[in-house]
């Protein structure tokens, strides 16, 4: 696909720091590469005063990948204080399209991992970190299309506000606008989607540690937080992901035992839904929406309700992988067709150009929504020998994402003309 860049309008070229980036470093770690020698090499350059900003940001990522999240974030904060614009590796010397991603200064899981979506696409990706105390550059860095990749988390709120203030005068198409990203919070999503026919989305309430503790020893008061809330219920720390701190509370006596192991001060609570199939197994799906169209991303099968892909043991079970393969191959004619109306309504309500949904099917055959997100990892790192069916499906998603960027860029040029 050929694409000619338009002349900049109200934009400027700024020096961007080259980096290895999230996709390559994460893939190295996923493949079992020891990142410590590279970490030590970068630390030596930092000590010698010869490290560039891109190398500093790579050091932050490596430190987080090696398990020291707080140190990684501290390194990132120091680097972003003096440089905010970074360029990811591109497969073409002369890129076909230039994308500007607007990120927040947060841990490595807090922004859309867009590098995975654009690997090998020939599209140039520059990431502008929106940080405290630094306004957006004026004019903005040159680009053909921009996309907000910051999440709805508390740490991203100020970045989203800064971007939002600039949207009315943005000179190029801006995807995933911040006012829509804000709707993805667990406690907001229910109000957005609850009346869609064919969807089951439990109400989620945010309560303090003190409020949760007051519920111990009594069933009274649950309905004060959410009309449908009852035991058993699901509780998790506010802002947690990937099952961290997630628990099913069967009765009020279990609350104090749960709090004894958790230091957090705020929690999300919602009713528990038993979504086990007739065989007693739980099935959880990740659906990717690109420009309103749903795509199968993965399916996890396990004998536990608190399931995500990494704890489902998919690599150890041929029967589970065969089921996932059938899900992917028949998605358009089966799953997406059965839930067509609900999926379309959800895409319309959420309104984002790109997002993911983690879901299941309840015992009535409705789509049970766990969460919607713009920062879930959609990748092609899995072994082609173990998962031969995954790469073609991931390429479909990546190609759809790239095609959307081209369409929006062309539409922006036509509108400007």
Protein backbone atom coordinates (compact mmCIF):
# COMPACT_ATOMS: atom_id res chain seq x y z
CA UNK A 1 0.00 0.00 0.00
CA UNK A 2 1.49 3.29 -1.11
CA UNK A 3 0.91 6.47 0.84
CA UNK A 4 2.25 9.98 0.30
CA UNK A 5 2.73 12.19 3.30
CA UNK A 6 0.99 15.54 3.15
CA UNK A 7 2.81 18.78 3.87
CA UNK A 8 2.76 19.64 7.57
CA UNK A 9 0.11 22.09 8.72
CA UNK A 10 0.67 23.65 12.14
CA UNK A 11 3.19 20.92 12.92
CA UNK A 12 6.94 20.82 13.43
CA UNK A 13 9.74 18.27 13.36
CA UNK A 14 11.43 17.67 16.71
CA UNK A 15 14.35 15.40 17.56
CA UNK A 16 12.99 12.07 18.75
CA UNK A 17 15.04 9.63 20.80
CA UNK A 18 15.51 6.19 19.23
CA UNK A 19 14.78 3.22 21.44
CA UNK A 20 14.57 -0.57 21.34
CA UNK A 21 11.05 -0.26 22.66
CA UNK A 22 8.41 -2.25 24.49
CA UNK A 23 7.60 -4.82 21.80
CA UNK A 24 11.15 -6.00 21.19
CA UNK A 25 12.20 -5.99 24.83
CA UNK A 26 9.05 -7.78 25.95
CA UNK A 27 9.46 -10.38 23.19
CA UNK A 28 13.05 -10.98 24.29
CA UNK A 29 11.89 -11.53 27.88
CA UNK A 30 8.99 -13.72 26.72
CA UNK A 31 11.42 -15.87 24.73
CA UNK A 32 13.63 -16.36 27.78
CA UNK A 33 16.45 -13.98 26.89
CA UNK A 34 18.46 -12.86 29.90
CA UNK A 35 18.05 -9.08 29.91
CA UNK A 36 20.51 -8.50 32.74
CA UNK A 37 23.61 -8.05 30.52
CA UNK A 38 21.77 -5.39 28.49
CA UNK A 39 20.58 -3.76 31.72
CA UNK A 40 24.13 -3.65 33.06
CA UNK A 41 25.42 -2.22 29.79
CA UNK A 42 22.85 0.58 29.88
CA UNK A 43 23.56 1.28 33.56
CA UNK A 44 27.25 1.66 32.70
CA UNK A 45 26.37 4.23 30.04
CA UNK A 46 24.16 6.11 32.49
CA UNK A 47 26.97 6.21 35.06
CA UNK A 48 29.41 7.39 32.40
CA UNK A 49 27.00 10.09 31.27
CA UNK A 50 26.84 8.74 27.69
CA UNK A 51 23.31 7.26 27.71
CA UNK A 52 20.74 8.87 25.45
CA UNK A 53 17.10 9.41 26.42
CA UNK A 54 15.99 6.37 24.41
CA UNK A 55 18.50 4.18 26.21
CA UNK A 56 17.26 5.54 29.53
CA UNK A 57 13.69 4.64 28.66
CA UNK A 58 14.79 1.17 27.55
CA UNK A 59 16.56 0.77 30.90
CA UNK A 60 13.30 1.65 32.64
CA UNK A 61 11.45 -1.04 30.68
CA UNK A 62 14.11 -3.69 31.28
CA UNK A 63 14.09 -2.94 35.00
CA UNK A 64 10.31 -3.42 35.09
CA UNK A 65 10.54 -6.62 33.03
CA UNK A 66 13.08 -7.94 35.54
CA UNK A 67 10.54 -7.40 38.32
CA UNK A 68 11.55 -4.10 39.91
CA UNK A 69 8.56 -1.96 39.00
CA UNK A 70 9.24 0.93 41.36
CA UNK A 71 12.87 1.35 40.28
CA UNK A 72 11.80 1.20 36.64
CA UNK A 73 9.21 3.91 37.13
CA UNK A 74 11.74 6.07 38.97
CA UNK A 75 14.19 5.76 36.06
CA UNK A 76 11.42 6.61 33.63
CA UNK A 77 10.48 9.74 35.60
CA UNK A 78 14.07 11.01 35.46
CA UNK A 79 14.31 10.41 31.72
CA UNK A 80 10.93 11.91 30.83
CA UNK A 81 11.72 15.05 32.82
CA UNK A 82 14.13 16.16 30.08
CA UNK A 83 12.86 14.39 26.95
CA UNK A 84 9.31 13.37 25.96
CA UNK A 85 9.39 12.28 22.29
CA UNK A 86 10.57 8.78 21.26
CA UNK A 87 10.74 6.82 18.02
CA UNK A 88 10.16 3.07 17.90
CA UNK A 89 11.93 0.79 15.39
CA UNK A 90 10.36 0.92 11.91
CA UNK A 91 10.68 -1.73 9.19
CA UNK A 92 11.02 0.87 6.41
CA UNK A 93 13.60 3.60 5.97
CA UNK A 94 10.93 5.78 4.37
CA UNK A 95 7.75 5.12 6.36
CA UNK A 96 4.39 4.94 4.61
CA UNK A 97 2.58 6.70 7.45
CA UNK A 98 3.51 8.61 10.58
CA UNK A 99 1.61 7.91 13.80
CA UNK A 100 1.90 9.96 16.97
CA UNK A 101 0.93 8.06 20.13
CA UNK A 102 0.04 10.14 23.19
CA UNK A 103 1.13 8.32 26.34
CA UNK A 104 1.09 8.94 30.08
CA UNK A 105 4.06 8.56 32.42
CA UNK A 106 2.96 5.29 34.01
CA UNK A 107 4.23 1.74 34.37
CA UNK A 108 4.74 -0.38 31.26
CA UNK A 109 1.17 -1.74 31.39
CA UNK A 110 -0.57 1.63 31.61
CA UNK A 111 -0.52 2.64 27.94
CA UNK A 112 -1.76 0.83 24.85
CA UNK A 113 1.10 -1.46 23.74
CA UNK A 114 0.78 -0.07 20.22
CA UNK A 115 4.25 -1.22 19.15
CA UNK A 116 2.96 -4.81 18.92
CA UNK A 117 0.17 -3.69 16.59
CA UNK A 118 2.55 -1.88 14.21
CA UNK A 119 5.55 -4.24 14.09
CA UNK A 120 6.54 -4.89 10.47
CA UNK A 121 3.86 -2.54 9.14
CA UNK A 122 6.18 0.06 7.64
CA UNK A 123 4.38 2.69 9.73
CA UNK A 124 6.50 5.08 11.78
CA UNK A 125 5.57 5.34 15.43
CA UNK A 126 6.57 8.26 17.59
CA UNK A 127 5.40 8.38 21.19
CA UNK A 128 4.90 11.66 23.00
CA UNK A 129 4.78 11.27 26.78
CA UNK A 130 2.47 13.80 28.41
CA UNK A 131 4.07 14.50 31.79
CA UNK A 132 3.36 16.68 34.80
CA UNK A 133 4.79 20.17 34.63
CA UNK A 134 5.37 20.09 30.88
CA UNK A 135 2.78 21.35 28.41
CA UNK A 136 2.18 19.77 25.01
CA UNK A 137 4.66 21.17 22.48
CA UNK A 138 3.35 23.95 20.25
CA UNK A 139 3.37 23.32 17.39
CA UNK A 140 2.88 19.58 17.81
CA UNK A 141 5.32 16.98 16.45
CA UNK A 142 4.73 16.24 12.78
CA UNK A 143 2.39 13.29 12.13
CA UNK A 144 -0.36 12.02 9.83
CA UNK A 145 -2.64 10.58 12.49
CA UNK A 146 -2.56 10.59 16.30
CA UNK A 147 -3.95 8.16 18.87
CA UNK A 148 -4.36 8.44 22.61
CA UNK A 149 -2.79 5.39 24.28
CA UNK A 150 -3.07 6.49 27.93
CA UNK A 151 -5.55 4.52 30.03
CA UNK A 152 -8.38 5.55 32.33
CA UNK A 153 -6.31 4.89 35.47
CA UNK A 154 -5.86 7.56 38.12
CA UNK A 155 -2.22 8.04 37.11
CA UNK A 156 -3.30 8.99 33.58
CA UNK A 157 -6.04 11.49 34.44
CA UNK A 158 -3.90 14.62 34.21
CA UNK A 159 -2.40 13.51 30.89
CA UNK A 160 -5.89 12.88 29.51
CA UNK A 161 -7.00 16.34 30.68
CA UNK A 162 -4.05 18.00 28.93
CA UNK A 163 -4.76 16.15 25.69
CA UNK A 164 -8.47 16.91 25.98
CA UNK A 165 -7.79 20.64 26.22
CA UNK A 166 -5.93 20.48 22.90
CA UNK A 167 -8.35 18.28 20.92
CA UNK A 168 -10.43 21.12 19.48
CA UNK A 169 -7.40 22.50 17.63
CA UNK A 170 -5.69 19.21 16.77
CA UNK A 171 -4.38 19.55 13.18
CA UNK A 172 -4.66 15.86 12.26
CA UNK A 173 -7.16 13.04 12.95
CA UNK A 174 -7.07 12.04 16.63
CA UNK A 175 -8.15 8.50 17.50
CA UNK A 176 -9.35 7.21 20.87
CA UNK A 177 -10.15 10.71 22.18
CA UNK A 178 -9.60 11.15 25.92
CA UNK A 179 -13.23 11.86 26.80
CA UNK A 180 -14.13 8.36 25.56
CA UNK A 181 -11.14 6.66 27.21
CA UNK A 182 -12.45 7.94 30.55
CA UNK A 183 -15.58 5.78 30.17
CA UNK A 184 -13.61 2.53 30.46
CA UNK A 185 -13.36 2.55 34.25
CA UNK A 186 -14.95 -0.52 35.86
CA UNK A 187 -17.42 1.62 37.81
CA UNK A 188 -18.45 3.63 34.72
CA UNK A 189 -18.76 0.88 32.15
CA UNK A 190 -21.87 -0.63 33.75
CA UNK A 191 -23.82 2.62 33.37
CA UNK A 192 -22.74 2.86 29.75
CA UNK A 193 -23.70 -0.69 28.73
CA UNK A 194 -26.21 -2.04 31.27
CA UNK A 195 -29.35 -1.67 29.13
CA UNK A 196 -27.98 -3.38 26.01
CA UNK A 197 -30.03 -6.47 25.19
CA UNK A 198 -27.94 -9.63 25.22
CA UNK A 199 -25.30 -8.22 27.62
CA UNK A 200 -24.81 -9.12 31.27
CA UNK A 201 -22.52 -6.62 33.00
CA UNK A 202 -22.54 -6.66 36.82
CA UNK A 203 -22.61 -3.26 38.49
CA UNK A 204 -19.25 -2.35 40.00
CA UNK A 205 -18.98 -0.04 43.00
CA UNK A 206 -15.89 1.60 44.44
CA UNK A 207 -15.77 1.41 48.23
CA UNK A 208 -13.18 2.34 50.81
CA UNK A 209 -11.36 -0.08 53.06
CA UNK A 210 -13.36 1.20 56.03
CA UNK A 211 -16.66 0.67 54.23
CA UNK A 212 -15.67 -2.84 53.23
CA UNK A 213 -14.62 -3.62 56.79
CA UNK A 214 -18.01 -2.44 58.08
CA UNK A 215 -19.68 -5.13 56.01
CA UNK A 216 -17.85 -7.87 57.91
CA UNK A 217 -20.16 -9.85 60.15
CA UNK A 218 -23.36 -8.63 58.46
CA UNK A 219 -25.12 -8.97 55.13
CA UNK A 220 -26.76 -5.61 55.65
CA UNK A 221 -25.51 -2.71 53.61
CA UNK A 222 -24.49 -4.43 50.37
CA UNK A 223 -27.37 -2.88 48.45
CA UNK A 224 -26.25 0.58 49.60
CA UNK A 225 -23.29 0.32 47.21
CA UNK A 226 -25.01 -1.37 44.27
CA UNK A 227 -28.66 -2.42 44.08
CA UNK A 228 -27.82 -5.89 42.75
CA UNK A 229 -24.83 -6.52 45.05
CA UNK A 230 -25.05 -9.68 47.14
CA UNK A 231 -22.94 -12.61 48.31
CA UNK A 232 -21.03 -14.19 46.77
CA UNK A 233 -19.32 -11.08 45.45
CA UNK A 234 -16.09 -10.24 43.68
CA UNK A 235 -13.60 -7.83 45.25
CA UNK A 236 -10.36 -6.42 43.87
CA UNK A 237 -8.13 -3.44 44.67
CA UNK A 238 -9.00 -0.38 42.62
CA UNK A 239 -6.59 -0.05 39.70
CA UNK A 240 -5.42 -3.68 39.80
CA UNK A 241 -5.18 -5.86 36.71
CA UNK A 242 -4.31 -9.46 35.74
CA UNK A 243 -6.03 -10.88 38.80
CA UNK A 244 -3.89 -9.08 41.40
CA UNK A 245 -5.89 -9.05 44.63
CA UNK A 246 -8.96 -10.55 42.94
CA UNK A 247 -11.09 -12.73 45.26
CA UNK A 248 -14.56 -14.20 45.61
CA UNK A 249 -16.15 -13.37 48.94
CA UNK A 250 -18.83 -15.93 49.83
CA UNK A 251 -20.01 -14.32 53.06
CA UNK A 252 -19.36 -11.36 55.32
CA UNK A 253 -17.01 -13.35 57.58
CA UNK A 254 -14.52 -13.67 54.71
CA UNK A 255 -14.08 -9.90 54.35
CA UNK A 256 -11.73 -9.41 57.30
CA UNK A 257 -9.57 -12.34 56.17
CA UNK A 258 -9.33 -10.75 52.74
CA UNK A 259 -8.44 -7.31 54.13
CA UNK A 260 -5.75 -8.79 56.37
CA UNK A 261 -3.76 -9.68 53.26
CA UNK A 262 -4.37 -6.45 51.33
CA UNK A 263 -2.81 -3.03 52.06
CA UNK A 264 -4.95 -1.04 49.58
CA UNK A 265 -7.43 1.63 50.66
CA UNK A 266 -9.99 1.42 47.85
CA UNK A 267 -11.66 -1.60 46.25
CA UNK A 268 -14.07 -2.48 43.48
CA UNK A 269 -16.90 -4.86 44.37
CA UNK A 270 -19.45 -6.57 42.12
CA UNK A 271 -21.71 -9.60 42.17
CA UNK A 272 -20.21 -12.95 41.26
CA UNK A 273 -21.54 -14.71 38.17
CA UNK A 274 -21.05 -18.44 37.81
CA UNK A 275 -20.30 -18.78 34.10
CA UNK A 276 -19.13 -22.40 34.10
CA UNK A 277 -20.22 -24.46 31.12
CA UNK A 278 -22.07 -27.78 31.30
CA UNK A 279 -18.70 -29.53 31.60
CA UNK A 280 -17.75 -27.45 34.65
CA UNK A 281 -15.08 -25.49 32.79
CA UNK A 282 -14.88 -21.71 32.53
CA UNK A 283 -14.22 -20.00 29.20
CA UNK A 284 -13.00 -16.44 28.94
CA UNK A 285 -12.63 -14.57 25.66
CA UNK A 286 -10.67 -11.49 24.63
CA UNK A 287 -12.26 -9.59 21.75
CA UNK A 288 -10.44 -6.79 19.91
CA UNK A 289 -12.48 -4.00 18.34
CA UNK A 290 -10.91 -2.14 15.43
CA UNK A 291 -13.00 0.65 13.93
CA UNK A 292 -16.14 -0.95 15.35
CA UNK A 293 -15.49 -4.47 14.09
CA UNK A 294 -14.81 -7.33 16.55
CA UNK A 295 -11.91 -9.78 16.12
CA UNK A 296 -11.05 -12.87 18.16
CA UNK A 297 -7.85 -12.34 20.16
CA UNK A 298 -7.73 -15.36 22.46
CA UNK A 299 -9.80 -17.84 24.42
CA UNK A 300 -8.77 -19.30 27.79
CA UNK A 301 -10.28 -22.49 29.22
CA UNK A 302 -9.81 -23.51 32.87
CA UNK A 303 -11.47 -25.19 35.82
CA UNK A 304 -11.32 -21.96 37.84
CA UNK A 305 -13.47 -18.83 37.60
CA UNK A 306 -10.59 -16.37 38.14
CA UNK A 307 -9.11 -17.09 34.77
CA UNK A 308 -6.78 -15.21 32.49
CA UNK A 309 -4.66 -16.59 29.71
CA UNK A 310 -1.45 -17.10 31.66
CA UNK A 311 -3.04 -19.23 34.40
CA UNK A 312 -5.22 -21.39 32.13
CA UNK A 313 -2.48 -23.85 31.14
CA UNK A 314 -3.31 -23.56 27.45
CA UNK A 315 0.21 -24.59 26.37
CA UNK A 316 -0.14 -27.83 28.34
CA UNK A 317 -3.46 -28.96 26.87
CA UNK A 318 -3.97 -29.91 23.23
CA UNK A 319 -7.74 -30.14 23.72
CA UNK A 320 -7.88 -26.56 25.04
CA UNK A 321 -5.82 -25.30 22.11
CA UNK A 322 -8.04 -27.11 19.64
CA UNK A 323 -11.05 -25.40 21.21
CA UNK A 324 -9.33 -22.02 20.97
CA UNK A 325 -8.45 -22.71 17.34
CA UNK A 326 -12.10 -23.53 16.55
CA UNK A 327 -13.16 -20.34 18.31
CA UNK A 328 -10.80 -18.26 16.18
CA UNK A 329 -11.57 -19.96 12.88
CA UNK A 330 -15.35 -19.85 13.32
CA UNK A 331 -15.52 -16.50 15.10
CA UNK A 332 -17.25 -14.53 12.32
CA UNK A 333 -19.79 -17.26 11.58
CA UNK A 334 -20.42 -18.38 15.15
CA UNK A 335 -19.53 -16.28 18.23
CA UNK A 336 -19.68 -12.88 16.51
CA UNK A 337 -22.88 -13.86 14.69
CA UNK A 338 -24.63 -15.09 17.84
CA UNK A 339 -23.74 -11.89 19.69
CA UNK A 340 -23.88 -9.60 16.67
CA UNK A 341 -26.44 -7.14 18.03
CA UNK A 342 -24.85 -6.89 21.48
CA UNK A 343 -21.31 -6.50 20.09
CA UNK A 344 -22.43 -3.78 17.67
CA UNK A 345 -24.28 -1.88 20.37
CA UNK A 346 -21.29 -2.13 22.71
CA UNK A 347 -18.90 -0.85 20.03
CA UNK A 348 -21.25 2.06 19.36
CA UNK A 349 -21.67 2.98 23.04
CA UNK A 350 -17.97 2.81 23.85
CA UNK A 351 -17.15 4.67 20.65
CA UNK A 352 -13.38 4.14 20.69
CA UNK A 353 -11.51 3.40 17.48
CA UNK A 354 -9.53 0.64 19.19
CA UNK A 355 -10.23 -1.25 22.42
CA UNK A 356 -10.50 -4.76 23.83
CA UNK A 357 -13.16 -6.55 25.85
CA UNK A 358 -12.67 -9.50 28.20
CA UNK A 359 -15.89 -11.48 28.39
CA UNK A 360 -17.60 -14.87 28.73
CA UNK A 361 -21.07 -16.31 28.17
CA UNK A 362 -23.42 -16.69 31.11
CA UNK A 363 -25.77 -19.63 31.59
CA UNK A 364 -28.49 -17.80 29.62
CA UNK A 365 -26.19 -17.43 26.62
CA UNK A 366 -25.73 -13.69 27.15
CA UNK A 367 -22.38 -11.97 26.76
CA UNK A 368 -20.94 -11.53 30.25
CA UNK A 369 -18.68 -8.46 30.30
CA UNK A 370 -15.73 -8.38 32.69
CA UNK A 371 -13.94 -5.28 31.46
CA UNK A 372 -13.24 -3.07 28.47
CA UNK A 373 -9.75 -1.69 28.06
CA UNK A 374 -7.50 0.17 25.65
CA UNK A 375 -4.26 -1.16 27.13
CA UNK A 376 -4.59 -4.97 27.02
CA UNK A 377 -1.64 -6.69 25.34
CA UNK A 378 -2.49 -7.94 21.84
CA UNK A 379 0.64 -9.67 20.57
CA UNK A 380 2.13 -12.32 18.31
CA UNK A 381 4.76 -13.69 20.71
CA UNK A 382 3.32 -17.17 21.19
CA UNK A 383 5.20 -20.16 19.78
CA UNK A 384 4.07 -21.00 16.22
CA UNK A 385 4.85 -24.64 16.94
CA UNK A 386 2.50 -24.77 19.94
CA UNK A 387 -0.07 -22.30 18.58
CA UNK A 388 0.10 -22.56 14.76
CA UNK A 389 -3.35 -20.99 14.41
CA UNK A 390 -2.54 -17.78 16.29
CA UNK A 391 -0.19 -15.93 13.95
CA UNK A 392 -2.69 -15.67 11.06
CA UNK A 393 -5.35 -14.33 13.43
CA UNK A 394 -2.97 -11.80 14.98
CA UNK A 395 -1.95 -10.63 11.50
CA UNK A 396 -5.62 -10.04 10.70
CA UNK A 397 -5.89 -7.76 13.72
CA UNK A 398 -2.63 -5.93 12.95
CA UNK A 399 -3.60 -5.43 9.29
CA UNK A 400 -7.03 -4.14 10.31
CA UNK A 401 -5.41 -1.68 12.73
CA UNK A 402 -2.98 -0.41 10.08
CA UNK A 403 -5.77 -0.14 7.51
CA UNK A 404 -7.80 1.94 9.96
CA UNK A 405 -4.88 4.35 10.42
CA UNK A 406 -4.55 4.79 6.65
CA UNK A 407 -8.30 5.39 6.25
CA UNK A 408 -8.43 7.96 9.02
CA UNK A 409 -5.38 9.77 7.69
CA UNK A 410 -6.84 9.98 4.18
CA UNK A 411 -10.17 11.12 5.56
CA UNK A 412 -8.39 13.82 7.54
CA UNK A 413 -6.64 15.09 4.42
CA UNK A 414 -9.88 15.13 2.45
CA UNK A 415 -11.65 16.98 5.25
CA UNK A 416 -8.83 19.54 5.48
CA UNK A 417 -8.96 20.08 1.72
